[in-house]
C-alpha atoms as a PDB file:
ATOM      1  CA  MET A   1      74.234 146.719  83.144  1.00  0.00           C
ATOM      2  CA  LEU A   2      73.102 150.243  82.328  1.00  0.00           C
ATOM      3  CA  TRP A   3      71.373 150.497  85.700  1.00  0.00           C
ATOM      4  CA  VAL A   4      74.504 149.349  87.513  1.00  0.00           C
ATOM      5  CA  ASN A   5      76.604 151.889  85.641  1.00  0.00           C
ATOM      6  CA  LEU A   6      74.225 154.816  86.119  1.00  0.00           C
ATOM      7  CA  VAL A   7      73.181 154.320  89.701  1.00  0.00           C
ATOM      8  CA  MET A   8      76.014 152.487  91.356  1.00  0.00           C
ATOM      9  CA  ASP A   9      78.899 154.350  89.726  1.00  0.00           C
ATOM     10  CA  THR A  10      77.573 157.802  88.918  1.00  0.00           C
ATOM     11  CA  LEU A  11      75.444 158.480  91.978  1.00  0.00           C
ATOM     12  CA  ALA A  12      77.945 156.859  94.331  1.00  0.00           C
ATOM     13  CA  SER A  13      80.813 158.961  92.969  1.00  0.00           C
ATOM     14  CA  LEU A  14      78.671 162.108  93.171  1.00  0.00           C
ATOM     15  CA  ALA A  15      77.800 161.268  96.761  1.00  0.00           C
ATOM     16  CA  LEU A  16      81.465 160.875  97.645  1.00  0.00           C
ATOM     17  CA  ALA A  17      82.524 164.005  95.756  1.00  0.00           C
ATOM     18  CA  THR A  18      79.918 166.238  97.397  1.00  0.00           C
ATOM     19  CA  GLU A  19      80.408 164.964 100.958  1.00  0.00           C
ATOM     20  CA  PRO A  20      81.996 167.819 102.931  1.00  0.00           C
ATOM     21  CA  PRO A  21      84.831 166.995 105.345  1.00  0.00           C
ATOM     22  CA  THR A  22      83.881 166.956 109.012  1.00  0.00           C
ATOM     23  CA  GLU A  23      85.914 167.385 112.170  1.00  0.00           C
ATOM     24  CA  GLU A  24      85.488 163.696 113.016  1.00  0.00           C
ATOM     25  CA  LEU A  25      86.869 162.725 109.624  1.00  0.00           C
ATOM     26  CA  LEU A  26      89.851 165.038 109.953  1.00  0.00           C
ATOM     27  CA  ASN A  27      90.647 163.825 113.481  1.00  0.00           C
ATOM     28  CA  ARG A  28      90.423 160.101 112.656  1.00  0.00           C
ATOM     29  CA  LYS A  29      93.662 158.145 112.470  1.00  0.00           C
ATOM     30  CA  PRO A  30      94.827 157.106 108.988  1.00  0.00           C
ATOM     31  CA  TYR A  31      94.635 153.507 107.854  1.00  0.00           C
ATOM     32  CA  GLY A  32      97.824 151.458 107.782  1.00  0.00           C
ATOM     33  CA  ARG A  33      99.330 150.105 104.571  1.00  0.00           C
ATOM     34  CA  THR A  34      98.644 146.498 105.498  1.00  0.00           C
ATOM     35  CA  LYS A  35      95.085 147.055 106.735  1.00  0.00           C
ATOM     36  CA  SER A  36      92.172 145.935 104.606  1.00  0.00           C
ATOM     37  CA  ILE A  37      90.093 148.568 102.828  1.00  0.00           C
ATOM     38  CA  ILE A  38      86.924 146.747 103.859  1.00  0.00           C
ATOM     39  CA  SER A  39      86.430 146.868 107.618  1.00  0.00           C
ATOM     40  CA  PRO A  40      84.566 144.112 109.497  1.00  0.00           C
ATOM     41  CA  LEU A  41      81.558 146.452 109.861  1.00  0.00           C
ATOM     42  CA  MET A  42      81.541 147.120 106.107  1.00  0.00           C
ATOM     43  CA  LEU A  43      81.820 143.407 105.364  1.00  0.00           C
ATOM     44  CA  ARG A  44      78.881 142.705 107.668  1.00  0.00           C
ATOM     45  CA  ASN A  45      76.818 145.400 105.946  1.00  0.00           C
ATOM     46  CA  ILE A  46      77.731 144.130 102.459  1.00  0.00           C
ATOM     47  CA  ILE A  47      76.864 140.517 103.268  1.00  0.00           C
ATOM     48  CA  GLY A  48      73.684 141.481 105.113  1.00  0.00           C
ATOM     49  CA  GLN A  49      72.426 143.740 102.329  1.00  0.00           C
ATOM     50  CA  SER A  50      73.286 141.157  99.664  1.00  0.00           C
ATOM     51  CA  LEU A  51      71.407 138.402 101.477  1.00  0.00           C
ATOM     52  CA  TYR A  52      68.440 140.701 102.081  1.00  0.00           C
ATOM     53  CA  GLN A  53      68.235 141.770  98.421  1.00  0.00           C
ATOM     54  CA  LEU A  54      68.580 138.205  97.161  1.00  0.00           C
ATOM     55  CA  ALA A  55      65.892 136.973  99.549  1.00  0.00           C
ATOM     56  CA  VAL A  56      63.414 139.689  98.562  1.00  0.00           C
ATOM     57  CA  MET A  57      64.004 139.216  94.830  1.00  0.00           C
ATOM     58  CA  PHE A  58      63.763 135.411  95.025  1.00  0.00           C
ATOM     59  CA  ILE A  59      60.560 135.655  97.059  1.00  0.00           C
ATOM     60  CA  ILE A  60      58.994 137.980  94.487  1.00  0.00           C
ATOM     61  CA  LEU A  61      60.256 135.838  91.616  1.00  0.00           C
ATOM     62  CA  TYR A  62      59.330 132.386  92.892  1.00  0.00           C
ATOM     63  CA  ALA A  63      56.523 133.003  95.399  1.00  0.00           C
ATOM     64  CA  GLY A  64      55.093 136.202  93.965  1.00  0.00           C
ATOM     65  CA  GLN A  65      52.310 134.332  92.227  1.00  0.00           C
ATOM     66  CA  TYR A  66      50.890 133.345  95.620  1.00  0.00           C
ATOM     67  CA  PHE A  67      50.761 136.741  97.321  1.00  0.00           C
ATOM     68  CA  LEU A  68      50.780 139.189  94.386  1.00  0.00           C
ATOM     69  CA  GLY A  69      47.930 137.615  92.446  1.00  0.00           C
ATOM     70  CA  PHE A  70      49.676 136.332  89.335  1.00  0.00           C
ATOM     71  CA  GLU A  71      48.184 133.313  87.610  1.00  0.00           C
ATOM     72  CA  SER A  72      51.482 131.670  86.712  1.00  0.00           C
ATOM     73  CA  THR A  73      55.147 132.501  86.246  1.00  0.00           C
ATOM     74  CA  VAL A  74      55.450 130.236  83.223  1.00  0.00           C
ATOM     75  CA  VAL A  75      55.129 131.811  79.792  1.00  0.00           C
ATOM     76  CA  LYS A  76      52.451 130.017  77.808  1.00  0.00           C
ATOM     77  CA  ILE A  77      53.365 129.220  74.203  1.00  0.00           C
ATOM     78  CA  GLN A  78      50.194 129.731  72.213  1.00  0.00           C
ATOM     79  CA  ASN A  79      48.491 132.285  70.001  1.00  0.00           C
ATOM     80  CA  ASP A  80      47.068 134.174  72.967  1.00  0.00           C
ATOM     81  CA  PRO A  81      48.088 137.867  72.686  1.00  0.00           C
ATOM     82  CA  HIS A  82      48.112 138.117  76.486  1.00  0.00           C
ATOM     83  CA  ALA A  83      50.405 135.117  77.002  1.00  0.00           C
ATOM     84  CA  GLY A  84      53.398 135.979  79.131  1.00  0.00           C
ATOM     85  CA  ARG A  85      51.978 139.220  80.501  1.00  0.00           C
ATOM     86  CA  GLU A  86      52.069 137.908  84.076  1.00  0.00           C
ATOM     87  CA  ILE A  87      55.767 137.081  83.926  1.00  0.00           C
ATOM     88  CA  ASN A  88      56.572 140.501  82.431  1.00  0.00           C
ATOM     89  CA  THR A  89      54.740 142.160  85.307  1.00  0.00           C
ATOM     90  CA  GLN A  90      56.515 139.932  87.787  1.00  0.00           C
ATOM     91  CA  PHE A  91      59.957 140.681  86.306  1.00  0.00           C
ATOM     92  CA  THR A  92      59.090 144.380  86.434  1.00  0.00           C
ATOM     93  CA  MET A  93      58.278 144.031  90.137  1.00  0.00           C
ATOM     94  CA  VAL A  94      61.576 142.219  90.750  1.00  0.00           C
ATOM     95  CA  PHE A  95      63.488 144.978  88.947  1.00  0.00           C
ATOM     96  CA  ASN A  96      61.643 147.756  90.795  1.00  0.00           C
ATOM     97  CA  ALA A  97      62.332 146.052  94.120  1.00  0.00           C
ATOM     98  CA  PHE A  98      66.019 145.849  93.156  1.00  0.00           C
ATOM     99  CA  VAL A  99      66.085 149.542  92.203  1.00  0.00           C
ATOM    100  CA  LEU A 100      64.448 150.695  95.438  1.00  0.00           C
ATOM    101  CA  MET A 101      66.634 148.468  97.621  1.00  0.00           C
ATOM    102  CA  THR A 102      69.731 149.790  95.814  1.00  0.00           C
ATOM    103  CA  LEU A 103      68.708 153.412  96.352  1.00  0.00           C
ATOM    104  CA  PHE A 104      67.999 152.862 100.044  1.00  0.00           C
ATOM    105  CA  ASN A 105      71.293 150.990 100.381  1.00  0.00           C
ATOM    106  CA  GLU A 106      73.163 153.958  98.904  1.00  0.00           C
ATOM    107  CA  ILE A 107      71.570 156.242 101.488  1.00  0.00           C
ATOM    108  CA  ASN A 108      72.414 153.838 104.321  1.00  0.00           C
ATOM    109  CA  ALA A 109      75.980 153.303 103.098  1.00  0.00           C
ATOM    110  CA  ARG A 110      76.882 156.970 103.544  1.00  0.00           C
ATOM    111  CA  LYS A 111      78.107 156.364 107.087  1.00  0.00           C
ATOM    112  CA  LEU A 112      80.762 153.694 107.519  1.00  0.00           C
ATOM    113  CA  HIS A 113      82.053 154.076 111.057  1.00  0.00           C
ATOM    114  CA  GLY A 114      79.022 153.252 113.171  1.00  0.00           C
ATOM    115  CA  GLU A 115      77.234 156.594 112.886  1.00  0.00           C
ATOM    116  CA  ARG A 116      73.480 156.319 113.274  1.00  0.00           C
ATOM    117  CA  ASN A 117      72.137 159.396 111.442  1.00  0.00           C
ATOM    118  CA  VAL A 118      72.603 158.740 107.718  1.00  0.00           C
ATOM    119  CA  PHE A 119      70.992 162.092 106.836  1.00  0.00           C
ATOM    120  CA  LYS A 120      73.505 164.182 108.800  1.00  0.00           C
ATOM    121  CA  GLY A 121      75.369 166.514 106.469  1.00  0.00           C
ATOM    122  CA  ILE A 122      72.870 166.469 103.614  1.00  0.00           C
END
């Protein structure tokens, strides 16, 4: 929850607050009162990014032992001091993948109206 609050709220609001107005933005027609805030393009991007992130995290979580070299994803209950180390490493990889995908998604979500260059105006 702390990650969601820090990255998603703070950095997203800073990105919106520091975005300078452009001529294209000032010349665009306003939205109507009955129109949805989420456009079809935004909805497509939200669903696509959600499915992509879920797929990557599930692959790392459930199939990571096969291509990342973990012995098992099951925590062994015994007196072994190294028991459960593989699953901690695997959960760390899942979290790091989530963090990186979130950061790249924030960069890509800067442009909402079909613009291609997400770095324009930085």
